[in-house]
Amino acid sequence: MKLSTRVRYGMRALVELALAYPHGAVSLGEVARTQRVSPKYLEHIIGALRVAGIVRSVRGLGGGYELARPPAEIRLLEIYEVLEGPCAPVPCVDAPDSCPMSPVCATRDTWGELKEAIRGVLARRTLEDLARCKLEKAAVGPPSYHI
């Protein structure tokens, strides 16, 4: 299973907002620059997250975007489903009637298990977990290569 750039970039952008929470908004340009993402593409991603109530926009001086709730309350599963939809790797897992082979398919149960495993990981983790991880990695710093 591959994750779309929409999910990957969205999660990375939200980590930036989580690091700033609750101290203020972060400009979309700054997030795009920090994460090396196209501002236009990020605008679409943030728009979907705003409609879903995960982020909110702040107008005026020092405006930008901020999390609508504390990072500890935002599960990665919620973000994934907003940006990507259901976790099912194939449509028949959620809609058995979409495939005439569903009742006798030998692989469908495996795809269902895969869906539940993915949902489990994403449901256990929050934006706070990712922000903490980023801070820990930043404290260690990049690898040093010298002789």
N, C-alpha and C. Protein backbone atom coordinates (compact mmCIF):
# COMPACT_ATOMS: atom_id res chain seq x y z
N MET A 1 0.84 -1.18 0.00
CA MET A 1 0.00 0.00 0.00
C MET A 1 0.88 1.24 0.00
N LYS A 2 0.56 2.18 -0.85
CA LYS A 2 1.30 3.43 -0.91
C LYS A 2 0.41 4.55 -0.40
N LEU A 3 1.01 5.47 0.33
CA LEU A 3 0.27 6.64 0.78
C LEU A 3 0.41 7.75 -0.25
N SER A 4 -0.67 8.46 -0.47
CA SER A 4 -0.64 9.56 -1.43
C SER A 4 0.18 10.73 -0.88
N THR A 5 0.64 11.59 -1.78
CA THR A 5 1.34 12.80 -1.33
C THR A 5 0.40 13.67 -0.52
N ARG A 6 -0.86 13.61 -0.81
CA ARG A 6 -1.86 14.40 -0.08
C ARG A 6 -1.82 14.05 1.42
N VAL A 7 -1.78 12.77 1.74
CA VAL A 7 -1.72 12.33 3.13
C VAL A 7 -0.34 12.64 3.73
N ARG A 8 0.71 12.33 3.01
CA ARG A 8 2.06 12.55 3.53
C ARG A 8 2.31 14.03 3.80
N TYR A 9 2.00 14.87 2.84
CA TYR A 9 2.22 16.31 3.01
C TYR A 9 1.28 16.89 4.06
N GLY A 10 0.05 16.39 4.09
CA GLY A 10 -0.92 16.87 5.08
C GLY A 10 -0.47 16.58 6.50
N MET A 11 0.01 15.37 6.73
CA MET A 11 0.50 15.00 8.07
C MET A 11 1.70 15.86 8.45
N ARG A 12 2.62 16.05 7.51
CA ARG A 12 3.82 16.86 7.81
C ARG A 12 3.43 18.30 8.11
N ALA A 13 2.47 18.85 7.37
CA ALA A 13 2.02 20.22 7.62
C ALA A 13 1.37 20.32 9.00
N LEU A 14 0.59 19.33 9.35
CA LEU A 14 -0.08 19.35 10.65
C LEU A 14 0.91 19.21 11.80
N VAL A 15 2.01 18.53 11.58
CA VAL A 15 3.05 18.45 12.62
C VAL A 15 3.58 19.86 12.89
N GLU A 16 3.77 20.64 11.84
CA GLU A 16 4.24 22.03 12.02
C GLU A 16 3.24 22.83 12.85
N LEU A 17 1.96 22.65 12.59
CA LEU A 17 0.93 23.36 13.36
C LEU A 17 0.87 22.84 14.79
N ALA A 18 1.10 21.55 14.96
CA ALA A 18 1.11 20.97 16.31
C ALA A 18 2.27 21.54 17.13
N LEU A 19 3.41 21.74 16.50
CA LEU A 19 4.56 22.31 17.21
C LEU A 19 4.31 23.75 17.64
N ALA A 20 3.50 24.46 16.88
CA ALA A 20 3.18 25.86 17.20
C ALA A 20 2.02 25.99 18.19
N TYR A 21 1.26 24.92 18.38
CA TYR A 21 0.07 24.96 19.24
C TYR A 21 0.48 25.10 20.70
N PRO A 22 -0.16 25.93 21.49
CA PRO A 22 -1.25 26.87 21.25
C PRO A 22 -0.74 28.31 21.09
N HIS A 23 0.48 28.48 20.66
CA HIS A 23 1.12 29.79 20.67
C HIS A 23 0.76 30.68 19.50
N GLY A 24 0.03 30.19 18.53
CA GLY A 24 -0.37 31.04 17.43
C GLY A 24 -0.40 30.33 16.10
N ALA A 25 -0.82 31.10 15.12
CA ALA A 25 -0.98 30.58 13.77
C ALA A 25 0.36 30.55 13.04
N VAL A 26 0.42 29.70 12.04
CA VAL A 26 1.60 29.58 11.18
C VAL A 26 1.14 29.87 9.76
N SER A 27 1.90 30.69 9.04
CA SER A 27 1.51 31.00 7.67
C SER A 27 1.68 29.79 6.78
N LEU A 28 0.82 29.71 5.78
CA LEU A 28 0.88 28.61 4.83
C LEU A 28 2.22 28.63 4.09
N GLY A 29 2.72 29.82 3.80
CA GLY A 29 4.01 29.94 3.13
C GLY A 29 5.14 29.37 3.96
N GLU A 30 5.09 29.61 5.26
CA GLU A 30 6.14 29.09 6.13
C GLU A 30 6.09 27.56 6.20
N VAL A 31 4.90 27.02 6.31
CA VAL A 31 4.75 25.56 6.34
C VAL A 31 5.25 24.97 5.03
N ALA A 32 4.86 25.58 3.92
CA ALA A 32 5.29 25.08 2.60
C ALA A 32 6.81 25.13 2.48
N ARG A 33 7.41 26.20 2.93
CA ARG A 33 8.86 26.35 2.85
C ARG A 33 9.56 25.32 3.75
N THR A 34 9.11 25.20 4.98
CA THR A 34 9.71 24.27 5.93
C THR A 34 9.60 22.83 5.45
N GLN A 35 8.46 22.49 4.89
CA GLN A 35 8.21 21.11 4.46
C GLN A 35 8.55 20.85 3.00
N ARG A 36 9.01 21.88 2.30
CA ARG A 36 9.38 21.76 0.89
C ARG A 36 8.24 21.20 0.04
N VAL A 37 7.08 21.87 0.19
CA VAL A 37 5.86 21.48 -0.50
C VAL A 37 5.36 22.69 -1.28
N SER A 38 4.76 22.46 -2.41
CA SER A 38 4.18 23.54 -3.20
C SER A 38 3.09 24.24 -2.38
N PRO A 39 3.17 25.58 -2.26
CA PRO A 39 2.12 26.30 -1.51
C PRO A 39 0.72 26.08 -2.09
N LYS A 40 0.62 26.00 -3.41
CA LYS A 40 -0.69 25.78 -4.04
C LYS A 40 -1.27 24.42 -3.66
N TYR A 41 -0.42 23.40 -3.69
CA TYR A 41 -0.88 22.05 -3.34
C TYR A 41 -1.26 22.01 -1.87
N LEU A 42 -0.43 22.62 -1.04
CA LEU A 42 -0.70 22.65 0.39
C LEU A 42 -2.00 23.39 0.70
N GLU A 43 -2.29 24.41 -0.08
CA GLU A 43 -3.54 25.17 0.09
C GLU A 43 -4.76 24.26 -0.05
N HIS A 44 -4.73 23.37 -1.03
CA HIS A 44 -5.84 22.42 -1.23
C HIS A 44 -5.95 21.44 -0.06
N ILE A 45 -4.83 20.98 0.41
CA ILE A 45 -4.81 20.03 1.52
C ILE A 45 -5.36 20.70 2.78
N ILE A 46 -4.85 21.88 3.09
CA ILE A 46 -5.29 22.61 4.29
C ILE A 46 -6.77 22.96 4.18
N GLY A 47 -7.23 23.25 2.97
CA GLY A 47 -8.65 23.54 2.77
C GLY A 47 -9.53 22.38 3.20
N ALA A 48 -9.15 21.17 2.83
CA ALA A 48 -9.92 19.98 3.23
C ALA A 48 -9.87 19.79 4.75
N LEU A 49 -8.73 20.06 5.35
CA LEU A 49 -8.59 19.91 6.81
C LEU A 49 -9.39 20.99 7.54
N ARG A 50 -9.52 22.16 6.93
CA ARG A 50 -10.32 23.24 7.53
C ARG A 50 -11.80 22.88 7.49
N VAL A 51 -12.26 22.40 6.35
CA VAL A 51 -13.66 21.99 6.22
C VAL A 51 -14.00 20.90 7.22
N ALA A 52 -13.05 20.01 7.50
CA ALA A 52 -13.26 18.90 8.44
C ALA A 52 -13.14 19.34 9.90
N GLY A 53 -12.74 20.59 10.14
CA GLY A 53 -12.64 21.07 11.51
C GLY A 53 -11.36 20.70 12.23
N ILE A 54 -10.35 20.32 11.48
CA ILE A 54 -9.06 19.96 12.10
C ILE A 54 -8.19 21.21 12.27
N VAL A 55 -8.26 22.10 11.29
CA VAL A 55 -7.54 23.37 11.39
C VAL A 55 -8.53 24.52 11.22
N ARG A 56 -8.08 25.70 11.61
CA ARG A 56 -8.88 26.90 11.37
C ARG A 56 -7.94 28.00 10.89
N SER A 57 -8.50 28.90 10.14
CA SER A 57 -7.69 30.01 9.63
C SER A 57 -7.79 31.18 10.60
N VAL A 58 -6.70 31.94 10.67
CA VAL A 58 -6.62 33.12 11.52
C VAL A 58 -6.28 34.28 10.61
N ARG A 59 -7.11 35.29 10.63
CA ARG A 59 -6.89 36.45 9.76
C ARG A 59 -6.07 37.52 10.47
N GLY A 60 -5.54 38.43 9.68
CA GLY A 60 -4.85 39.58 10.23
C GLY A 60 -3.37 39.37 10.42
N LEU A 61 -2.77 40.35 11.08
CA LEU A 61 -1.34 40.30 11.36
C LEU A 61 -1.02 39.05 12.19
N GLY A 62 -0.06 38.29 11.77
CA GLY A 62 0.27 37.05 12.47
C GLY A 62 -0.70 35.94 12.14
N GLY A 63 -1.48 36.12 11.09
CA GLY A 63 -2.47 35.12 10.71
C GLY A 63 -1.85 33.92 10.02
N GLY A 64 -2.69 33.02 9.69
CA GLY A 64 -2.27 31.77 9.05
C GLY A 64 -3.24 30.68 9.43
N TYR A 65 -2.68 29.54 9.81
CA TYR A 65 -3.52 28.40 10.22
C TYR A 65 -3.04 27.87 11.56
N GLU A 66 -3.99 27.35 12.32
CA GLU A 66 -3.69 26.72 13.59
C GLU A 66 -4.61 25.53 13.77
N LEU A 67 -4.23 24.64 14.65
CA LEU A 67 -5.08 23.49 14.95
C LEU A 67 -6.35 23.97 15.63
N ALA A 68 -7.45 23.36 15.30
CA ALA A 68 -8.74 23.71 15.90
C ALA A 68 -8.91 23.04 17.26
N ARG A 69 -8.10 22.01 17.52
CA ARG A 69 -8.16 21.29 18.80
C ARG A 69 -6.73 20.98 19.24
N PRO A 70 -6.54 20.62 20.49
CA PRO A 70 -5.20 20.24 20.93
C PRO A 70 -4.67 19.05 20.14
N PRO A 71 -3.36 19.02 19.88
CA PRO A 71 -2.77 17.92 19.10
C PRO A 71 -3.04 16.53 19.69
N ALA A 72 -3.17 16.45 21.00
CA ALA A 72 -3.42 15.15 21.65
C ALA A 72 -4.82 14.62 21.33
N GLU A 73 -5.70 15.48 20.84
CA GLU A 73 -7.07 15.08 20.52
C GLU A 73 -7.27 14.75 19.05
N ILE A 74 -6.24 14.90 18.26
CA ILE A 74 -6.37 14.67 16.81
C ILE A 74 -5.63 13.39 16.44
N ARG A 75 -6.38 12.37 16.15
CA ARG A 75 -5.82 11.07 15.79
C ARG A 75 -5.44 11.06 14.32
N LEU A 76 -4.38 10.34 14.01
CA LEU A 76 -3.92 10.25 12.62
C LEU A 76 -4.97 9.60 11.72
N LEU A 77 -5.79 8.73 12.28
CA LEU A 77 -6.85 8.10 11.51
C LEU A 77 -7.82 9.15 10.97
N GLU A 78 -8.16 10.12 11.80
CA GLU A 78 -9.08 11.18 11.37
C GLU A 78 -8.48 11.95 10.19
N ILE A 79 -7.20 12.28 10.28
CA ILE A 79 -6.53 13.02 9.21
C ILE A 79 -6.51 12.18 7.93
N TYR A 80 -6.12 10.92 8.08
CA TYR A 80 -6.06 10.02 6.93
C TYR A 80 -7.41 9.95 6.22
N GLU A 81 -8.47 9.76 6.98
CA GLU A 81 -9.79 9.60 6.37
C GLU A 81 -10.27 10.88 5.71
N VAL A 82 -9.90 12.04 6.25
CA VAL A 82 -10.26 13.31 5.62
C VAL A 82 -9.54 13.46 4.29
N LEU A 83 -8.26 13.14 4.27
CA LEU A 83 -7.46 13.38 3.08
C LEU A 83 -7.50 12.25 2.06
N GLU A 84 -7.75 11.03 2.51
CA GLU A 84 -7.66 9.89 1.60
C GLU A 84 -8.96 9.10 1.48
N GLY A 85 -9.79 9.13 2.51
CA GLY A 85 -11.00 8.31 2.52
C GLY A 85 -10.77 7.07 3.37
N PRO A 86 -11.58 6.05 3.18
CA PRO A 86 -11.45 4.83 3.99
C PRO A 86 -10.09 4.15 3.82
N CYS A 87 -9.70 3.40 4.82
CA CYS A 87 -8.41 2.70 4.81
C CYS A 87 -8.43 1.40 4.02
N ALA A 88 -9.56 0.99 3.55
CA ALA A 88 -9.65 -0.29 2.84
C ALA A 88 -8.76 -0.28 1.60
N PRO A 89 -7.89 -1.28 1.46
CA PRO A 89 -6.99 -1.31 0.30
C PRO A 89 -7.71 -1.64 -1.02
N VAL A 90 -8.90 -2.24 -0.92
CA VAL A 90 -9.71 -2.54 -2.10
C VAL A 90 -11.17 -2.24 -1.77
N PRO A 91 -11.96 -1.81 -2.73
CA PRO A 91 -13.35 -1.40 -2.46
C PRO A 91 -14.23 -2.49 -1.85
N CYS A 92 -14.00 -3.75 -2.19
CA CYS A 92 -14.89 -4.81 -1.72
C CYS A 92 -14.84 -5.03 -0.21
N VAL A 93 -13.80 -4.54 0.46
CA VAL A 93 -13.72 -4.71 1.91
C VAL A 93 -14.85 -3.94 2.58
N ASP A 94 -15.10 -2.72 2.13
CA ASP A 94 -16.17 -1.91 2.71
C ASP A 94 -17.50 -2.07 1.99
N ALA A 95 -17.45 -2.50 0.74
CA ALA A 95 -18.67 -2.64 -0.06
C ALA A 95 -18.64 -3.99 -0.79
N PRO A 96 -18.99 -5.07 -0.08
CA PRO A 96 -18.93 -6.40 -0.68
C PRO A 96 -19.72 -6.54 -1.98
N ASP A 97 -20.79 -5.75 -2.11
CA ASP A 97 -21.62 -5.83 -3.32
C ASP A 97 -20.92 -5.23 -4.55
N SER A 98 -19.78 -4.56 -4.33
CA SER A 98 -19.07 -3.95 -5.46
C SER A 98 -18.36 -4.98 -6.33
N CYS A 99 -18.25 -6.21 -5.82
CA CYS A 99 -17.56 -7.25 -6.58
C CYS A 99 -18.35 -8.56 -6.49
N PRO A 100 -18.65 -9.16 -7.62
CA PRO A 100 -19.40 -10.42 -7.58
C PRO A 100 -18.62 -11.58 -6.97
N MET A 101 -17.30 -11.42 -6.84
CA MET A 101 -16.46 -12.48 -6.28
C MET A 101 -16.37 -12.41 -4.76
N SER A 102 -16.85 -11.35 -4.15
CA SER A 102 -16.69 -11.16 -2.70
C SER A 102 -17.05 -12.37 -1.85
N PRO A 103 -18.18 -13.04 -2.10
CA PRO A 103 -18.53 -14.18 -1.24
C PRO A 103 -17.54 -15.35 -1.29
N VAL A 104 -16.83 -15.48 -2.38
CA VAL A 104 -15.94 -16.64 -2.53
C VAL A 104 -14.47 -16.24 -2.67
N CYS A 105 -14.17 -14.98 -2.52
CA CYS A 105 -12.82 -14.49 -2.75
C CYS A 105 -11.87 -14.92 -1.62
N ALA A 106 -10.79 -15.55 -2.00
CA ALA A 106 -9.82 -16.04 -1.02
C ALA A 106 -8.97 -14.91 -0.44
N THR A 107 -8.86 -13.78 -1.13
CA THR A 107 -8.00 -12.70 -0.65
C THR A 107 -8.73 -11.62 0.13
N ARG A 108 -10.04 -11.56 0.02
CA ARG A 108 -10.81 -10.48 0.64
C ARG A 108 -10.60 -10.41 2.15
N ASP A 109 -10.54 -11.53 2.83
CA ASP A 109 -10.33 -11.53 4.28
C ASP A 109 -8.96 -10.94 4.64
N THR A 110 -7.97 -11.24 3.83
CA THR A 110 -6.64 -10.68 4.07
C THR A 110 -6.66 -9.17 3.92
N TRP A 111 -7.37 -8.68 2.89
CA TRP A 111 -7.47 -7.22 2.70
C TRP A 111 -8.22 -6.58 3.87
N GLY A 112 -9.17 -7.29 4.42
CA GLY A 112 -9.89 -6.79 5.59
C GLY A 112 -8.98 -6.71 6.82
N GLU A 113 -8.14 -7.71 6.98
CA GLU A 113 -7.17 -7.69 8.10
C GLU A 113 -6.18 -6.54 7.92
N LEU A 114 -5.75 -6.33 6.69
CA LEU A 114 -4.82 -5.23 6.41
C LEU A 114 -5.47 -3.89 6.76
N LYS A 115 -6.72 -3.73 6.38
CA LYS A 115 -7.44 -2.50 6.71
C LYS A 115 -7.46 -2.28 8.22
N GLU A 116 -7.79 -3.30 8.97
CA GLU A 116 -7.88 -3.16 10.43
C GLU A 116 -6.52 -2.87 11.06
N ALA A 117 -5.47 -3.46 10.51
CA ALA A 117 -4.12 -3.19 11.03
C ALA A 117 -3.74 -1.73 10.80
N ILE A 118 -4.01 -1.23 9.61
CA ILE A 118 -3.72 0.17 9.30
C ILE A 118 -4.53 1.09 10.19
N ARG A 119 -5.82 0.82 10.30
CA ARG A 119 -6.69 1.64 11.17
C ARG A 119 -6.19 1.63 12.61
N GLY A 120 -5.73 0.48 13.07
CA GLY A 120 -5.25 0.37 14.45
C GLY A 120 -4.05 1.26 14.71
N VAL A 121 -3.09 1.24 13.81
CA VAL A 121 -1.90 2.08 13.97
C VAL A 121 -2.30 3.55 13.95
N LEU A 122 -3.09 3.94 12.96
CA LEU A 122 -3.48 5.35 12.84
C LEU A 122 -4.37 5.81 13.98
N ALA A 123 -5.18 4.93 14.52
CA ALA A 123 -6.07 5.29 15.63
C ALA A 123 -5.31 5.44 16.95
N ARG A 124 -4.19 4.75 17.09
CA ARG A 124 -3.41 4.82 18.33
C ARG A 124 -2.56 6.08 18.42
N ARG A 125 -2.23 6.65 17.29
CA ARG A 125 -1.29 7.78 17.28
C ARG A 125 -2.00 9.11 17.07
N THR A 126 -1.44 10.14 17.68
CA THR A 126 -2.00 11.49 17.58
C THR A 126 -0.97 12.44 16.98
N LEU A 127 -1.44 13.64 16.68
CA LEU A 127 -0.50 14.68 16.22
C LEU A 127 0.52 15.02 17.30
N GLU A 128 0.11 14.92 18.55
CA GLU A 128 1.05 15.16 19.64
C GLU A 128 2.20 14.15 19.60
N ASP A 129 1.89 12.91 19.30
CA ASP A 129 2.93 11.88 19.18
C ASP A 129 3.93 12.24 18.07
N LEU A 130 3.42 12.68 16.93
CA LEU A 130 4.30 13.03 15.82
C LEU A 130 5.15 14.26 16.15
N ALA A 131 4.53 15.25 16.80
CA ALA A 131 5.27 16.46 17.17
C ALA A 131 6.39 16.12 18.15
N ARG A 132 6.09 15.26 19.12
CA ARG A 132 7.11 14.83 20.08
C ARG A 132 8.25 14.11 19.38
N CYS A 133 7.91 13.25 18.44
CA CYS A 133 8.91 12.51 17.67
C CYS A 133 9.79 13.47 16.87
N LYS A 134 9.19 14.47 16.27
CA LYS A 134 9.98 15.43 15.50
C LYS A 134 10.96 16.18 16.40
N LEU A 135 10.50 16.57 17.58
CA LEU A 135 11.39 17.28 18.51
C LEU A 135 12.54 16.38 18.96
N GLU A 136 12.25 15.12 19.22
CA GLU A 136 13.29 14.18 19.62
C GLU A 136 14.32 13.99 18.51
N LYS A 137 13.84 13.88 17.28
CA LYS A 137 14.76 13.71 16.15
C LYS A 137 15.59 14.97 15.93
N ALA A 138 14.99 16.12 16.13
CA ALA A 138 15.71 17.39 15.96
C ALA A 138 16.79 17.54 17.02
N ALA A 139 16.53 17.03 18.22
CA ALA A 139 17.51 17.12 19.32
C ALA A 139 18.75 16.28 19.02
N VAL A 140 18.55 15.17 18.35
CA VAL A 140 19.67 14.30 17.99
C VAL A 140 20.46 14.93 16.85
N GLY A 141 19.77 15.58 15.93
CA GLY A 141 20.41 16.23 14.80
C GLY A 141 20.69 15.26 13.67
N PRO A 142 21.09 15.81 12.54
CA PRO A 142 21.38 14.95 11.39
C PRO A 142 22.65 14.14 11.60
N PRO A 143 22.77 13.04 10.89
CA PRO A 143 23.98 12.23 11.02
C PRO A 143 25.20 13.03 10.58
N SER A 144 26.31 12.78 11.24
CA SER A 144 27.55 13.47 10.91
C SER A 144 28.49 12.50 10.20
N TYR A 145 29.00 12.92 9.06
CA TYR A 145 29.90 12.07 8.30
C TYR A 145 31.26 12.76 8.20
N HIS A 146 32.17 12.35 9.01
CA HIS A 146 33.53 12.89 8.91
C HIS A 146 34.55 11.83 9.29
N ILE A 147 35.74 12.05 8.86
CA ILE A 147 36.81 11.07 9.11
C ILE A 147 37.79 11.64 10.11
